[in-house]
Amino acid sequence: MADTADPPAPAAGAAQHAQAERPPPKRQKQPQKPAAADAEQPSWLRINADGTKSVLEGSAEIVFAEEVFYNPVQQFNRDMSVAAISVWRDMFFLERAAKARRKAARAAGAAADAGASADAAGAAGASGDGSDGDKDADMDAAGGDGAAAMDAAEAAGSDADAAAAAGASPGSAGRSADKKQERSVRQAKALAKAAGAVAFERVDLSHADFVDQRFSVLEALSATGLRAVRYAKEIGNIGHVVANDLLDAAVQSIQRSAAHNGVDGIVRPNKGDACQVMYRAIGDGQTFDVVDLDPYGSAAPFLDGAVQAVTDGGSQPESCWAKYGGINIPGAQYTHELALRILLHAIQAAAARHRRTIEPLLSCSIDFYVRVFVRVRESAALVKQAASTTSLVFHCTGCRSFVLQPLGKLHRKSGGGDGGVRYGPSIGPAMDRNCVHCGGQSHVGGPFFSDPIHSSEFVARMLDLVAAAGPAKFGTHTRMAGMLAVQSEELPIPLYFTLPTLGAALHCQNPSMVKLTSAILHAGHKVSQSHAAQGSIKTDAPADVIWDILRCWCKQHPPSDKNMSPNSPARRLLAVEPRITANFEKHPKATPDSRKYQLVRYQENPTANWGPKARPKKHKRDEGDHGNDAGGAPESGKRSRSEGGTDADDAE
């Protein structure tokens, strides 16, 4: 690179001139640069005796003979994927075991009421000895374990306090160790409390119902095989991982990586176009339980094949949207969440064409990309509901208020059952031509998926897994804990306000987050934050209630009207008298546990100039390709993916 190359040697006259004007101390410091560079070698990189370089991540080691193309910021992506697939596996095995019991009961000629009893007994026996009541006992145990973990954390905190009081850790090093231990204790408490909020059944993989169960994974765009190797080494009961790439060099890299890590019996390198591989699997009836898509650019070309190539009830992790048939609203406060929802809508639309539907398990807005984990199911009845879970958003350009417009509606008649459900178009428009609050015009965004984007049980299981694994397994454990805790607290409703946009609309001093959320809670509404944006306010309170609360705030803290034009949104908003009296006293629920326990809820910039890396340079032997992939494996445009980063400039 130009900024690291040695400068050209100057001519003799120029050198003498520089010698005369350059201060001696600078001339003496220059030879120290190579030593400083050596000292800054990252912890994930190792120089081997034979001159090769190894990238160390999780339990995997990938050896590069050529230039290393690796983005450590993306480790969080892969850590989350390992955890999410592990949690999905448990849920999948439980359902598979229950289904096997139902099939056995039918084969034995059991009566209908006996079959219903077998369902309950089968679900209970999946984690116990098969006796009645085991399921309730296991669910209670899940909550009890959470409480026990909190008790252990509190005990650890007491021990830390006693040690500090006794002077066990004198000096700055001791204080630093004490702070680190206190932070770990707080994190353990938060994770245990969040995981215990939802009752779920744990899976013992050594139990007879699960010990022989296996599942398959397709990593359609594998590149060096780093992700496939980590899946094979870190996820239990995995049958095989097909690590596919279009290029010979990438497939050779996958073979080397699998052999070097001792998982060549699990990781199956495959050379082929990702779409063709998925369609061939459909035609051969050899579908996969998990299809992982993580392209360098847009994933749109792969969605149709992916939703068919995954088995009924299987999981599809997918990242990075570019052009998915929806319009985001640039500058909108909720643009990151809207990007997630547009991506989910694109997956849902692709699945619906094949009489399939999706269930979002976890949806993450991370750094410069998005990543979602969804289950794909066969259900013609649920496909009919797709229109009622799809919406547009009208976004005011003045005050930044927003109104949702569902595309379809669902009406359930009394009596229930599929026969009691009627589907039809929604009634609109949801708002007037001009904003009812400030008179501004509106932009239209969407269509997007407007149902919940997280499964509460799945998030609770993720929290439980992360708490049990600790930093030894996940290098980004601290960040995983913070994001998952915030996601567990999110209200299952679309989009959000933010403090800066609300304050900017009124030209007023912003209330603190605690004061504003307290006022919303005192008004009888629910409120949370979103993992997608710091300072976000996700609430079921209508916009007129939010503006009334802020009008009350402005009466207590009058904004300056010097910069307010006569027809500005601020003047129009403040010209209306509030219809409620806001109470800004601190509400007991105003501080979420993720903040109370001081988790890392929103990631700070990890390094200078961080973000998605540029495409690697081409190799002369691969002039026909669009670039190259990690560590010298040539990259093939939309048919290959770099482990180092995901290009999502258009995503949000």
Foldseek 3Di string as FASTA:
>chain_A
DVVPDDDDDDDPVVVVVCVVPPDVVVVVCVVCVVVVVVVPDDPQWDQDPVRWIWGDAFLFIAIFPFDFQFAVLCLVVLLVVLLLVQLLVFVVLLVVQLVVQLVVCVVVVHDPVVSVVSSQLSSQCQAHVSDPPNLVVQLVVLLVVLVVQLVVLVVQLVVLVVCVVVVVQDDPVSVVVSVVSLLLSLLSNLLSVLLSVDGDGDHDCVDPSHVQAEFEEEAQFQQLNPSVQCNQVRRPRYQAYEREFAFPLRLVSNCVRCVVSVNCVHYHYDHDFSLVVLVVCLVVVNAGLEYEEFAQAAPLVRLLSNLRRHDAFGKYKYKFHFCQPWFFDPPQPFRLLQLQFSVQLSNQVSLLVVQKGKDWADWDRRFQMIITMITIHRHNLVSLCSQQQWWKKWAFPALRAIDIGGQKDWDADPPDDSVRIDIDGGDDDPADQAHPQQRGGTDMIDGGGWFFNHDLNSLSSSSVVLSVVDCSRRVPSLASSQASSQVNFDDRGDDWDFQVSNCVSQQFDTDDLQQLQQQCVVVPWDWGAHLNDPRTIDIPDHPLSSLLQVLLVCVVTPHDCPPPDPSHSNCSNNVDHRPDHTDRPGDPPSAGSSVVSPGCSHDDDPDPPDAFDDAAADDPVPVVADGAEGSGHHAHPRRHHHNNHHDRNNSD
